[in-house]
């Protein structure tokens, strides 16, 4: 997930919007990694994954309204990221974190970015 975080940081510093294909590629590799590694992820990795999903979800939602050609694909990406955010929240709460603590952790990761 570290690789995804560093790539996200790079993307967030860009002046131009990421092309659809590159956005889709990043999203697909994120989904693939979550599907294959989720059960083995530790708490810090879960928190990073949730942060990445929140950024990708937000961007996909925004682009779905602006981009008529790929709007449907962006909506689907946003929906899947939302699903993963909920799954990660559920797991973290099961491990003893509160929603407030999860939000605090998201804020701390955001500040480091």
PDB file of N, CA and C in Angstrom:
ATOM      1  N   UNK A   1       0.829  -1.197   0.000  1.00  0.00           N
ATOM      2  CA  UNK A   1       0.000   0.000   0.000  1.00  0.00           C
ATOM      3  C   UNK A   1       0.872   1.258   0.000  1.00  0.00           C
ATOM      4  N   UNK A   2       2.116   1.096   0.431  1.00  0.00           N
ATOM      5  CA  UNK A   2       3.035   2.245   0.433  1.00  0.00           C
ATOM      6  C   UNK A   2       3.223   2.802  -0.982  1.00  0.00           C
ATOM      7  N   UNK A   3       3.317   1.894  -1.941  1.00  0.00           N
ATOM      8  CA  UNK A   3       3.485   2.309  -3.339  1.00  0.00           C
ATOM      9  C   UNK A   3       2.275   3.113  -3.802  1.00  0.00           C
ATOM     10  N   UNK A   4       1.083   2.664  -3.411  1.00  0.00           N
ATOM     11  CA  UNK A   4      -0.153   3.382  -3.774  1.00  0.00           C
ATOM     12  C   UNK A   4      -0.190   4.761  -3.116  1.00  0.00           C
ATOM     13  N   UNK A   5       0.272   4.833  -1.859  1.00  0.00           N
ATOM     14  CA  UNK A   5       0.302   6.124  -1.151  1.00  0.00           C
ATOM     15  C   UNK A   5       1.252   7.105  -1.825  1.00  0.00           C
ATOM     16  N   UNK A   6       2.433   6.647  -2.200  1.00  0.00           N
ATOM     17  CA  UNK A   6       3.393   7.559  -2.818  1.00  0.00           C
ATOM     18  C   UNK A   6       2.908   8.005  -4.200  1.00  0.00           C
ATOM     19  N   UNK A   7       2.251   7.104  -4.933  1.00  0.00           N
ATOM     20  CA  UNK A   7       1.702   7.470  -6.241  1.00  0.00           C
ATOM     21  C   UNK A   7       0.552   8.472  -6.060  1.00  0.00           C
ATOM     22  N   UNK A   8      -0.268   8.269  -5.031  1.00  0.00           N
ATOM     23  CA  UNK A   8      -1.367   9.191  -4.747  1.00  0.00           C
ATOM     24  C   UNK A   8      -0.826  10.579  -4.416  1.00  0.00           C
ATOM     25  N   UNK A   9       0.226  10.613  -3.616  1.00  0.00           N
ATOM     26  CA  UNK A   9       0.837  11.890  -3.256  1.00  0.00           C
ATOM     27  C   UNK A   9       1.316  12.618  -4.516  1.00  0.00           C
ATOM     28  N   UNK A  10       1.908  11.866  -5.415  1.00  0.00           N
ATOM     29  CA  UNK A  10       2.370  12.422  -6.693  1.00  0.00           C
ATOM     30  C   UNK A  10       1.186  12.965  -7.493  1.00  0.00           C
ATOM     31  N   UNK A  11       0.117  12.195  -7.559  1.00  0.00           N
ATOM     32  CA  UNK A  11      -1.074  12.627  -8.295  1.00  0.00           C
ATOM     33  C   UNK A  11      -1.683  13.891  -7.689  1.00  0.00           C
ATOM     34  N   UNK A  12      -1.728  13.965  -6.370  1.00  0.00           N
ATOM     35  CA  UNK A  12      -2.341  15.113  -5.707  1.00  0.00           C
ATOM     36  C   UNK A  12      -1.562  16.404  -5.929  1.00  0.00           C
ATOM     37  N   UNK A  13      -0.294  16.284  -6.280  1.00  0.00           N
ATOM     38  CA  UNK A  13       0.530  17.466  -6.507  1.00  0.00           C
ATOM     39  C   UNK A  13       0.526  17.922  -7.968  1.00  0.00           C
ATOM     40  N   UNK A  14      -0.165  17.172  -8.820  1.00  0.00           N
ATOM     41  CA  UNK A  14      -0.214  17.509 -10.239  1.00  0.00           C
ATOM     42  C   UNK A  14      -1.055  18.760 -10.477  1.00  0.00           C
ATOM     43  N   UNK A  15      -0.665  19.507 -11.472  1.00  0.00           N
ATOM     44  CA  UNK A  15      -1.415  20.713 -11.852  1.00  0.00           C
ATOM     45  C   UNK A  15      -2.563  20.381 -12.804  1.00  0.00           C
ATOM     46  N   UNK A  16      -2.412  19.298 -13.564  1.00  0.00           N
ATOM     47  CA  UNK A  16      -3.428  18.921 -14.535  1.00  0.00           C
ATOM     48  C   UNK A  16      -4.188  17.689 -14.036  1.00  0.00           C
ATOM     49  N   UNK A  17      -5.334  17.458 -14.645  1.00  0.00           N
ATOM     50  CA  UNK A  17      -6.141  16.309 -14.266  1.00  0.00           C
ATOM     51  C   UNK A  17      -5.563  15.041 -14.887  1.00  0.00           C
ATOM     52  N   UNK A  18      -5.571  13.990 -14.121  1.00  0.00           N
ATOM     53  CA  UNK A  18      -5.073  12.698 -14.556  1.00  0.00           C
ATOM     54  C   UNK A  18      -5.949  12.170 -15.707  1.00  0.00           C
ATOM     55  N   UNK A  19      -5.336  11.686 -16.788  1.00  0.00           N
ATOM     56  CA  UNK A  19      -6.135  11.123 -17.886  1.00  0.00           C
ATOM     57  C   UNK A  19      -6.956   9.923 -17.401  1.00  0.00           C
ATOM     58  N   UNK A  20      -8.091   9.692 -18.042  1.00  0.00           N
ATOM     59  CA  UNK A  20      -9.005   8.619 -17.638  1.00  0.00           C
ATOM     60  C   UNK A  20      -8.297   7.272 -17.539  1.00  0.00           C
ATOM     61  N   UNK A  21      -7.523   6.919 -18.546  1.00  0.00           N
ATOM     62  CA  UNK A  21      -6.882   5.597 -18.561  1.00  0.00           C
ATOM     63  C   UNK A  21      -5.935   5.413 -17.382  1.00  0.00           C
ATOM     64  N   UNK A  22      -5.183   6.437 -17.043  1.00  0.00           N
ATOM     65  CA  UNK A  22      -4.263   6.330 -15.910  1.00  0.00           C
ATOM     66  C   UNK A  22      -5.035   6.260 -14.585  1.00  0.00           C
ATOM     67  N   UNK A  23      -6.105   7.040 -14.483  1.00  0.00           N
ATOM     68  CA  UNK A  23      -6.960   7.001 -13.296  1.00  0.00           C
ATOM     69  C   UNK A  23      -7.545   5.589 -13.136  1.00  0.00           C
ATOM     70  N   UNK A  24      -8.047   5.044 -14.237  1.00  0.00           N
ATOM     71  CA  UNK A  24      -8.656   3.713 -14.232  1.00  0.00           C
ATOM     72  C   UNK A  24      -7.624   2.648 -13.858  1.00  0.00           C
ATOM     73  N   UNK A  25      -6.414   2.791 -14.366  1.00  0.00           N
ATOM     74  CA  UNK A  25      -5.341   1.841 -14.063  1.00  0.00           C
ATOM     75  C   UNK A  25      -4.998   1.866 -12.566  1.00  0.00           C
ATOM     76  N   UNK A  26      -4.891   3.074 -11.998  1.00  0.00           N
ATOM     77  CA  UNK A  26      -4.601   3.213 -10.565  1.00  0.00           C
ATOM     78  C   UNK A  26      -5.728   2.598  -9.744  1.00  0.00           C
ATOM     79  N   UNK A  27      -6.961   2.926 -10.110  1.00  0.00           N
ATOM     80  CA  UNK A  27      -8.138   2.384  -9.426  1.00  0.00           C
ATOM     81  C   UNK A  27      -8.153   0.855  -9.503  1.00  0.00           C
ATOM     82  N   UNK A  28      -7.928   0.310 -10.677  1.00  0.00           N
ATOM     83  CA  UNK A  28      -7.961  -1.148 -10.866  1.00  0.00           C
ATOM     84  C   UNK A  28      -6.900  -1.848 -10.034  1.00  0.00           C
ATOM     85  N   UNK A  29      -5.703  -1.277  -9.995  1.00  0.00           N
ATOM     86  CA  UNK A  29      -4.637  -1.906  -9.207  1.00  0.00           C
ATOM     87  C   UNK A  29      -4.944  -1.806  -7.709  1.00  0.00           C
ATOM     88  N   UNK A  30      -5.597  -0.726  -7.291  1.00  0.00           N
ATOM     89  CA  UNK A  30      -6.018  -0.581  -5.892  1.00  0.00           C
ATOM     90  C   UNK A  30      -7.045  -1.660  -5.540  1.00  0.00           C
ATOM     91  N   UNK A  31      -8.043  -1.837  -6.399  1.00  0.00           N
ATOM     92  CA  UNK A  31      -9.078  -2.847  -6.154  1.00  0.00           C
ATOM     93  C   UNK A  31      -8.468  -4.247  -6.121  1.00  0.00           C
ATOM     94  N   UNK A  32      -7.563  -4.502  -7.037  1.00  0.00           N
ATOM     95  CA  UNK A  32      -6.896  -5.804  -7.087  1.00  0.00           C
ATOM     96  C   UNK A  32      -6.121  -6.075  -5.794  1.00  0.00           C
ATOM     97  N   UNK A  33      -5.408  -5.068  -5.332  1.00  0.00           N
ATOM     98  CA  UNK A  33      -4.626  -5.214  -4.105  1.00  0.00           C
ATOM     99  C   UNK A  33      -5.535  -5.416  -2.892  1.00  0.00           C
ATOM    100  N   UNK A  34      -6.616  -4.667  -2.814  1.00  0.00           N
ATOM    101  CA  UNK A  34      -7.553  -4.827  -1.702  1.00  0.00           C
ATOM    102  C   UNK A  34      -8.180  -6.228  -1.720  1.00  0.00           C
ATOM    103  N   UNK A  35      -8.570  -6.678  -2.884  1.00  0.00           N
ATOM    104  CA  UNK A  35      -9.173  -8.005  -2.997  1.00  0.00           C
ATOM    105  C   UNK A  35      -8.224  -9.120  -2.589  1.00  0.00           C
ATOM    106  N   UNK A  36      -6.950  -8.966  -2.894  1.00  0.00           N
ATOM    107  CA  UNK A  36      -6.003 -10.052  -2.609  1.00  0.00           C
ATOM    108  C   UNK A  36      -5.351  -9.956  -1.229  1.00  0.00           C
ATOM    109  N   UNK A  37      -5.223  -8.741  -0.679  1.00  0.00           N
ATOM    110  CA  UNK A  37      -4.459  -8.581   0.558  1.00  0.00           C
ATOM    111  C   UNK A  37      -5.272  -8.151   1.778  1.00  0.00           C
ATOM    112  N   UNK A  38      -6.540  -7.855   1.607  1.00  0.00           N
ATOM    113  CA  UNK A  38      -7.347  -7.283   2.686  1.00  0.00           C
ATOM    114  C   UNK A  38      -7.299  -8.095   3.978  1.00  0.00           C
ATOM    115  N   UNK A  39      -7.448  -9.394   3.878  1.00  0.00           N
ATOM    116  CA  UNK A  39      -7.498 -10.235   5.083  1.00  0.00           C
ATOM    117  C   UNK A  39      -6.188 -10.243   5.865  1.00  0.00           C
ATOM    118  N   UNK A  40      -5.070  -9.978   5.209  1.00  0.00           N
ATOM    119  CA  UNK A  40      -3.772  -9.990   5.878  1.00  0.00           C
ATOM    120  C   UNK A  40      -3.305  -8.590   6.307  1.00  0.00           C
ATOM    121  N   UNK A  41      -4.065  -7.559   5.965  1.00  0.00           N
ATOM    122  CA  UNK A  41      -3.632  -6.191   6.252  1.00  0.00           C
ATOM    123  C   UNK A  41      -3.693  -5.881   7.743  1.00  0.00           C
ATOM    124  N   UNK A  42      -2.647  -5.171   8.231  1.00  0.00           N
ATOM    125  CA  UNK A  42      -2.663  -4.724   9.622  1.00  0.00           C
ATOM    126  C   UNK A  42      -3.431  -3.404   9.709  1.00  0.00           C
ATOM    127  N   UNK A  43      -3.623  -2.913  10.928  1.00  0.00           N
ATOM    128  CA  UNK A  43      -4.422  -1.709  11.138  1.00  0.00           C
ATOM    129  C   UNK A  43      -3.876  -0.473  10.406  1.00  0.00           C
ATOM    130  N   UNK A  44      -2.559  -0.177  10.483  1.00  0.00           N
ATOM    131  CA  UNK A  44      -2.057   0.987   9.745  1.00  0.00           C
ATOM    132  C   UNK A  44      -2.277   0.879   8.237  1.00  0.00           C
ATOM    133  N   UNK A  45      -2.148  -0.320   7.697  1.00  0.00           N
ATOM    134  CA  UNK A  45      -2.370  -0.519   6.263  1.00  0.00           C
ATOM    135  C   UNK A  45      -3.845  -0.347   5.932  1.00  0.00           C
ATOM    136  N   UNK A  46      -4.720  -0.807   6.805  1.00  0.00           N
ATOM    137  CA  UNK A  46      -6.163  -0.598   6.607  1.00  0.00           C
ATOM    138  C   UNK A  46      -6.483   0.894   6.580  1.00  0.00           C
ATOM    139  N   UNK A  47      -5.890   1.639   7.483  1.00  0.00           N
ATOM    140  CA  UNK A  47      -6.134   3.078   7.539  1.00  0.00           C
ATOM    141  C   UNK A  47      -5.633   3.771   6.272  1.00  0.00           C
ATOM    142  N   UNK A  48      -4.460   3.395   5.795  1.00  0.00           N
ATOM    143  CA  UNK A  48      -3.937   3.971   4.546  1.00  0.00           C
ATOM    144  C   UNK A  48      -4.838   3.610   3.376  1.00  0.00           C
ATOM    145  N   UNK A  49      -5.296   2.362   3.344  1.00  0.00           N
ATOM    146  CA  UNK A  49      -6.178   1.917   2.268  1.00  0.00           C
ATOM    147  C   UNK A  49      -7.480   2.703   2.272  1.00  0.00           C
ATOM    148  N   UNK A  50      -7.999   2.942   3.465  1.00  0.00           N
ATOM    149  CA  UNK A  50      -9.240   3.702   3.575  1.00  0.00           C
ATOM    150  C   UNK A  50      -9.039   5.130   3.085  1.00  0.00           C
ATOM    151  N   UNK A  51      -7.907   5.720   3.439  1.00  0.00           N
ATOM    152  CA  UNK A  51      -7.604   7.079   2.995  1.00  0.00           C
ATOM    153  C   UNK A  51      -7.534   7.132   1.470  1.00  0.00           C
ATOM    154  N   UNK A  52      -6.819   6.188   0.876  1.00  0.00           N
ATOM    155  CA  UNK A  52      -6.690   6.148  -0.586  1.00  0.00           C
ATOM    156  C   UNK A  52      -8.067   5.994  -1.227  1.00  0.00           C
ATOM    157  N   UNK A  53      -8.879   5.089  -0.692  1.00  0.00           N
ATOM    158  CA  UNK A  53     -10.236   4.894  -1.224  1.00  0.00           C
ATOM    159  C   UNK A  53     -11.057   6.171  -1.141  1.00  0.00           C
ATOM    160  N   UNK A  54     -10.898   6.918  -0.050  1.00  0.00           N
ATOM    161  CA  UNK A  54     -11.681   8.154   0.100  1.00  0.00           C
ATOM    162  C   UNK A  54     -11.279   9.191  -0.948  1.00  0.00           C
ATOM    163  N   UNK A  55      -9.996   9.280  -1.246  1.00  0.00           N
ATOM    164  CA  UNK A  55      -9.523  10.236  -2.257  1.00  0.00           C
ATOM    165  C   UNK A  55      -9.985   9.811  -3.648  1.00  0.00           C
ATOM    166  N   UNK A  56      -9.821   8.538  -3.962  1.00  0.00           N
ATOM    167  CA  UNK A  56     -10.235   8.036  -5.279  1.00  0.00           C
ATOM    168  C   UNK A  56     -11.751   8.188  -5.437  1.00  0.00           C
ATOM    169  N   UNK A  57     -12.506   7.873  -4.388  1.00  0.00           N
ATOM    170  CA  UNK A  57     -13.968   8.011  -4.423  1.00  0.00           C
ATOM    171  C   UNK A  57     -14.368   9.463  -4.695  1.00  0.00           C
ATOM    172  N   UNK A  58     -13.771  10.366  -3.962  1.00  0.00           N
ATOM    173  CA  UNK A  58     -14.080  11.781  -4.122  1.00  0.00           C
ATOM    174  C   UNK A  58     -13.779  12.270  -5.545  1.00  0.00           C
ATOM    175  N   UNK A  59     -12.628  11.884  -6.049  1.00  0.00           N
ATOM    176  CA  UNK A  59     -12.248  12.278  -7.414  1.00  0.00           C
ATOM    177  C   UNK A  59     -13.167  11.652  -8.451  1.00  0.00           C
ATOM    178  N   UNK A  60     -13.492  10.389  -8.272  1.00  0.00           N
ATOM    179  CA  UNK A  60     -14.367   9.706  -9.225  1.00  0.00           C
ATOM    180  C   UNK A  60     -15.761  10.340  -9.236  1.00  0.00           C
ATOM    181  N   UNK A  61     -16.284  10.677  -8.046  1.00  0.00           N
ATOM    182  CA  UNK A  61     -17.596  11.327  -7.976  1.00  0.00           C
ATOM    183  C   UNK A  61     -17.574  12.663  -8.701  1.00  0.00           C
ATOM    184  N   UNK A  62     -16.532  13.431  -8.450  1.00  0.00           N
ATOM    185  CA  UNK A  62     -16.405  14.739  -9.097  1.00  0.00           C
ATOM    186  C   UNK A  62     -16.328  14.596 -10.615  1.00  0.00           C
ATOM    187  N   UNK A  63     -15.531  13.659 -11.070  1.00  0.00           N
ATOM    188  CA  UNK A  63     -15.366  13.452 -12.511  1.00  0.00           C
ATOM    189  C   UNK A  63     -16.621  12.890 -13.162  1.00  0.00           C
ATOM    190  N   UNK A  64     -17.413  12.135 -12.416  1.00  0.00           N
ATOM    191  CA  UNK A  64     -18.634  11.547 -12.995  1.00  0.00           C
ATOM    192  C   UNK A  64     -19.614  12.635 -13.436  1.00  0.00           C
ATOM    193  N   UNK A  65     -19.577  13.775 -12.764  1.00  0.00           N
ATOM    194  CA  UNK A  65     -20.473  14.876 -13.113  1.00  0.00           C
ATOM    195  C   UNK A  65     -19.939  15.706 -14.282  1.00  0.00           C
ATOM    196  N   UNK A  66     -18.609  15.747 -14.416  1.00  0.00           N
ATOM    197  CA  UNK A  66     -17.979  16.576 -15.445  1.00  0.00           C
ATOM    198  C   UNK A  66     -17.748  15.833 -16.758  1.00  0.00           C
ATOM    199  N   UNK A  67     -17.599  14.521 -16.683  1.00  0.00           N
ATOM    200  CA  UNK A  67     -17.191  13.746 -17.836  1.00  0.00           C
ATOM    201  C   UNK A  67     -18.354  12.886 -18.343  1.00  0.00           C
ATOM    202  N   UNK A  68     -18.976  13.329 -19.419  1.00  0.00           N
ATOM    203  CA  UNK A  68     -20.145  12.623 -19.962  1.00  0.00           C
ATOM    204  C   UNK A  68     -19.759  11.258 -20.538  1.00  0.00           C
ATOM    205  N   UNK A  69     -18.620  11.186 -21.197  1.00  0.00           N
ATOM    206  CA  UNK A  69     -18.201   9.954 -21.861  1.00  0.00           C
ATOM    207  C   UNK A  69     -17.921   8.839 -20.852  1.00  0.00           C
ATOM    208  N   UNK A  70     -17.191   9.154 -19.799  1.00  0.00           N
ATOM    209  CA  UNK A  70     -16.807   8.142 -18.811  1.00  0.00           C
ATOM    210  C   UNK A  70     -17.555   8.276 -17.485  1.00  0.00           C
ATOM    211  N   UNK A  71     -18.613   9.046 -17.472  1.00  0.00           N
ATOM    212  CA  UNK A  71     -19.363   9.292 -16.241  1.00  0.00           C
ATOM    213  C   UNK A  71     -19.828   8.036 -15.536  1.00  0.00           C
ATOM    214  N   UNK A  72     -20.344   7.090 -16.306  1.00  0.00           N
ATOM    215  CA  UNK A  72     -20.852   5.846 -15.727  1.00  0.00           C
ATOM    216  C   UNK A  72     -19.712   5.050 -15.079  1.00  0.00           C
ATOM    217  N   UNK A  73     -18.564   5.011 -15.733  1.00  0.00           N
ATOM    218  CA  UNK A  73     -17.397   4.292 -15.189  1.00  0.00           C
ATOM    219  C   UNK A  73     -16.929   4.951 -13.896  1.00  0.00           C
ATOM    220  N   UNK A  74     -16.905   6.277 -13.872  1.00  0.00           N
ATOM    221  CA  UNK A  74     -16.492   6.992 -12.667  1.00  0.00           C
ATOM    222  C   UNK A  74     -17.466   6.726 -11.507  1.00  0.00           C
ATOM    223  N   UNK A  75     -18.763   6.676 -11.811  1.00  0.00           N
ATOM    224  CA  UNK A  75     -19.754   6.396 -10.762  1.00  0.00           C
ATOM    225  C   UNK A  75     -19.532   5.005 -10.175  1.00  0.00           C
ATOM    226  N   UNK A  76     -19.220   4.057 -11.028  1.00  0.00           N
ATOM    227  CA  UNK A  76     -18.975   2.689 -10.578  1.00  0.00           C
ATOM    228  C   UNK A  76     -17.721   2.632  -9.701  1.00  0.00           C
ATOM    229  N   UNK A  77     -16.684   3.375 -10.099  1.00  0.00           N
ATOM    230  CA  UNK A  77     -15.446   3.430  -9.310  1.00  0.00           C
ATOM    231  C   UNK A  77     -15.727   4.030  -7.935  1.00  0.00           C
ATOM    232  N   UNK A  78     -16.486   5.110  -7.911  1.00  0.00           N
ATOM    233  CA  UNK A  78     -16.820   5.775  -6.647  1.00  0.00           C
ATOM    234  C   UNK A  78     -17.601   4.829  -5.740  1.00  0.00           C
ATOM    235  N   UNK A  79     -18.523   4.090  -6.331  1.00  0.00           N
ATOM    236  CA  UNK A  79     -19.331   3.148  -5.567  1.00  0.00           C
ATOM    237  C   UNK A  79     -18.481   2.040  -4.947  1.00  0.00           C
ATOM    238  N   UNK A  80     -17.568   1.482  -5.723  1.00  0.00           N
ATOM    239  CA  UNK A  80     -16.688   0.417  -5.217  1.00  0.00           C
ATOM    240  C   UNK A  80     -15.776   0.937  -4.118  1.00  0.00           C
ATOM    241  N   UNK A  81     -15.265   2.145  -4.277  1.00  0.00           N
ATOM    242  CA  UNK A  81     -14.412   2.732  -3.232  1.00  0.00           C
ATOM    243  C   UNK A  81     -15.222   2.959  -1.956  1.00  0.00           C
ATOM    244  N   UNK A  82     -16.474   3.381  -2.117  1.00  0.00           N
ATOM    245  CA  UNK A  82     -17.359   3.560  -0.971  1.00  0.00           C
ATOM    246  C   UNK A  82     -17.587   2.243  -0.247  1.00  0.00           C
ATOM    247  N   UNK A  83     -17.767   1.172  -1.019  1.00  0.00           N
ATOM    248  CA  UNK A  83     -17.923  -0.153  -0.425  1.00  0.00           C
ATOM    249  C   UNK A  83     -16.700  -0.520   0.409  1.00  0.00           C
ATOM    250  N   UNK A  84     -15.514  -0.305  -0.137  1.00  0.00           N
ATOM    251  CA  UNK A  84     -14.288  -0.646   0.593  1.00  0.00           C
ATOM    252  C   UNK A  84     -14.110   0.221   1.835  1.00  0.00           C
ATOM    253  N   UNK A  85     -14.488   1.482   1.749  1.00  0.00           N
ATOM    254  CA  UNK A  85     -14.405   2.352   2.929  1.00  0.00           C
ATOM    255  C   UNK A  85     -15.292   1.803   4.043  1.00  0.00           C
ATOM    256  N   UNK A  86     -16.502   1.390   3.698  1.00  0.00           N
ATOM    257  CA  UNK A  86     -17.426   0.830   4.686  1.00  0.00           C
ATOM    258  C   UNK A  86     -16.884  -0.475   5.268  1.00  0.00           C
ATOM    259  N   UNK A  87     -16.318  -1.327   4.413  1.00  0.00           N
ATOM    260  CA  UNK A  87     -15.770  -2.604   4.877  1.00  0.00           C
ATOM    261  C   UNK A  87     -14.596  -2.376   5.826  1.00  0.00           C
ATOM    262  N   UNK A  88     -13.753  -1.429   5.481  1.00  0.00           N
ATOM    263  CA  UNK A  88     -12.593  -1.127   6.329  1.00  0.00           C
ATOM    264  C   UNK A  88     -13.057  -0.523   7.647  1.00  0.00           C
ATOM    265  N   UNK A  89     -14.026   0.398   7.590  1.00  0.00           N
ATOM    266  CA  UNK A  89     -14.573   0.977   8.822  1.00  0.00           C
ATOM    267  C   UNK A  89     -15.140  -0.119   9.730  1.00  0.00           C
ATOM    268  N   UNK A  90     -15.894  -1.030   9.137  1.00  0.00           N
ATOM    269  CA  UNK A  90     -16.493  -2.124   9.909  1.00  0.00           C
ATOM    270  C   UNK A  90     -15.404  -2.942  10.610  1.00  0.00           C
ATOM    271  N   UNK A  91     -14.377  -3.281   9.856  1.00  0.00           N
ATOM    272  CA  UNK A  91     -13.273  -4.068  10.425  1.00  0.00           C
ATOM    273  C   UNK A  91     -12.556  -3.313  11.538  1.00  0.00           C
ATOM    274  N   UNK A  92     -12.267  -2.042  11.302  1.00  0.00           N
ATOM    275  CA  UNK A  92     -11.551  -1.243  12.300  1.00  0.00           C
ATOM    276  C   UNK A  92     -12.386  -1.082  13.576  1.00  0.00           C
ATOM    277  N   UNK A  93     -13.684  -0.917  13.417  1.00  0.00           N
ATOM    278  CA  UNK A  93     -14.564  -0.814  14.586  1.00  0.00           C
ATOM    279  C   UNK A  93     -14.596  -2.137  15.347  1.00  0.00           C
ATOM    280  N   UNK A  94     -14.584  -3.239  14.605  1.00  0.00           N
ATOM    281  CA  UNK A  94     -14.560  -4.561  15.224  1.00  0.00           C
ATOM    282  C   UNK A  94     -13.261  -4.755  16.024  1.00  0.00           C
ATOM    283  N   UNK A  95     -12.193  -4.089  15.569  1.00  0.00           N
ATOM    284  CA  UNK A  95     -10.901  -4.170  16.247  1.00  0.00           C
ATOM    285  C   UNK A  95     -10.781  -3.150  17.378  1.00  0.00           C
ATOM    286  N   UNK A  96     -11.847  -2.384  17.632  1.00  0.00           N
ATOM    287  CA  UNK A  96     -11.861  -1.494  18.783  1.00  0.00           C
ATOM    288  C   UNK A  96     -11.756  -0.001  18.513  1.00  0.00           C
ATOM    289  N   UNK A  97     -11.615   0.406  17.251  1.00  0.00           N
ATOM    290  CA  UNK A  97     -11.555   1.839  16.950  1.00  0.00           C
ATOM    291  C   UNK A  97     -12.963   2.413  16.862  1.00  0.00           C
ATOM    292  N   UNK A  98     -13.111   3.648  17.243  1.00  0.00           N
ATOM    293  CA  UNK A  98     -14.389   4.343  17.080  1.00  0.00           C
ATOM    294  C   UNK A  98     -14.365   5.087  15.752  1.00  0.00           C
ATOM    295  N   UNK A  99     -15.533   5.505  15.279  1.00  0.00           N
ATOM    296  CA  UNK A  99     -15.589   6.274  14.037  1.00  0.00           C
ATOM    297  C   UNK A  99     -14.811   7.584  14.192  1.00  0.00           C
ATOM    298  N   UNK A 100     -14.886   8.187  15.372  1.00  0.00           N
ATOM    299  CA  UNK A 100     -14.141   9.427  15.627  1.00  0.00           C
ATOM    300  C   UNK A 100     -12.628   9.198  15.513  1.00  0.00           C
ATOM    301  N   UNK A 101     -12.151   8.063  16.031  1.00  0.00           N
ATOM    302  CA  UNK A 101     -10.729   7.737  15.951  1.00  0.00           C
ATOM    303  C   UNK A 101     -10.316   7.480  14.499  1.00  0.00           C
ATOM    304  N   UNK A 102     -11.176   6.817  13.747  1.00  0.00           N
ATOM    305  CA  UNK A 102     -10.895   6.573  12.329  1.00  0.00           C
ATOM    306  C   UNK A 102     -10.786   7.900  11.589  1.00  0.00           C
ATOM    307  N   UNK A 103     -11.723   8.807  11.853  1.00  0.00           N
ATOM    308  CA  UNK A 103     -11.698  10.126  11.204  1.00  0.00           C
ATOM    309  C   UNK A 103     -10.444  10.912  11.599  1.00  0.00           C
ATOM    310  N   UNK A 104     -10.038  10.795  12.865  1.00  0.00           N
ATOM    311  CA  UNK A 104      -8.821  11.455  13.331  1.00  0.00           C
ATOM    312  C   UNK A 104      -7.608  10.916  12.584  1.00  0.00           C
ATOM    313  N   UNK A 105      -7.545   9.610  12.425  1.00  0.00           N
ATOM    314  CA  UNK A 105      -6.444   8.984  11.681  1.00  0.00           C
ATOM    315  C   UNK A 105      -6.431   9.457  10.226  1.00  0.00           C
ATOM    316  N   UNK A 106      -7.632   9.582   9.609  1.00  0.00           N
ATOM    317  CA  UNK A 106      -7.722  10.064   8.229  1.00  0.00           C
ATOM    318  C   UNK A 106      -7.177  11.497   8.143  1.00  0.00           C
ATOM    319  N   UNK A 107      -7.517  12.294   9.126  1.00  0.00           N
ATOM    320  CA  UNK A 107      -7.049  13.667   9.169  1.00  0.00           C
ATOM    321  C   UNK A 107      -5.532  13.740   9.307  1.00  0.00           C
ATOM    322  N   UNK A 108      -4.972  12.868  10.141  1.00  0.00           N
ATOM    323  CA  UNK A 108      -3.525  12.838  10.323  1.00  0.00           C
ATOM    324  C   UNK A 108      -2.800  12.408   9.044  1.00  0.00           C
ATOM    325  N   UNK A 109      -3.344  11.408   8.360  1.00  0.00           N
ATOM    326  CA  UNK A 109      -2.747  10.984   7.089  1.00  0.00           C
ATOM    327  C   UNK A 109      -2.824  12.121   6.090  1.00  0.00           C
ATOM    328  N   UNK A 110      -3.969  12.798   6.041  1.00  0.00           N
ATOM    329  CA  UNK A 110      -4.141  13.917   5.133  1.00  0.00           C
ATOM    330  C   UNK A 110      -3.133  15.026   5.401  1.00  0.00           C
ATOM    331  N   UNK A 111      -2.895  15.309   6.662  1.00  0.00           N
ATOM    332  CA  UNK A 111      -1.923  16.354   7.032  1.00  0.00           C
ATOM    333  C   UNK A 111      -0.505  15.986   6.608  1.00  0.00           C
ATOM    334  N   UNK A 112      -0.180  14.701   6.614  1.00  0.00           N
ATOM    335  CA  UNK A 112       1.148  14.239   6.206  1.00  0.00           C
ATOM    336  C   UNK A 112       1.330  14.308   4.699  1.00  0.00           C
ATOM    337  N   UNK A 113       0.209  14.300   3.977  1.00  0.00           N
ATOM    338  CA  UNK A 113       0.273  14.343   2.509  1.00  0.00           C
ATOM    339  C   UNK A 113       0.638  15.747   2.057  1.00  0.00           C
TER     340      UNK A 113
END
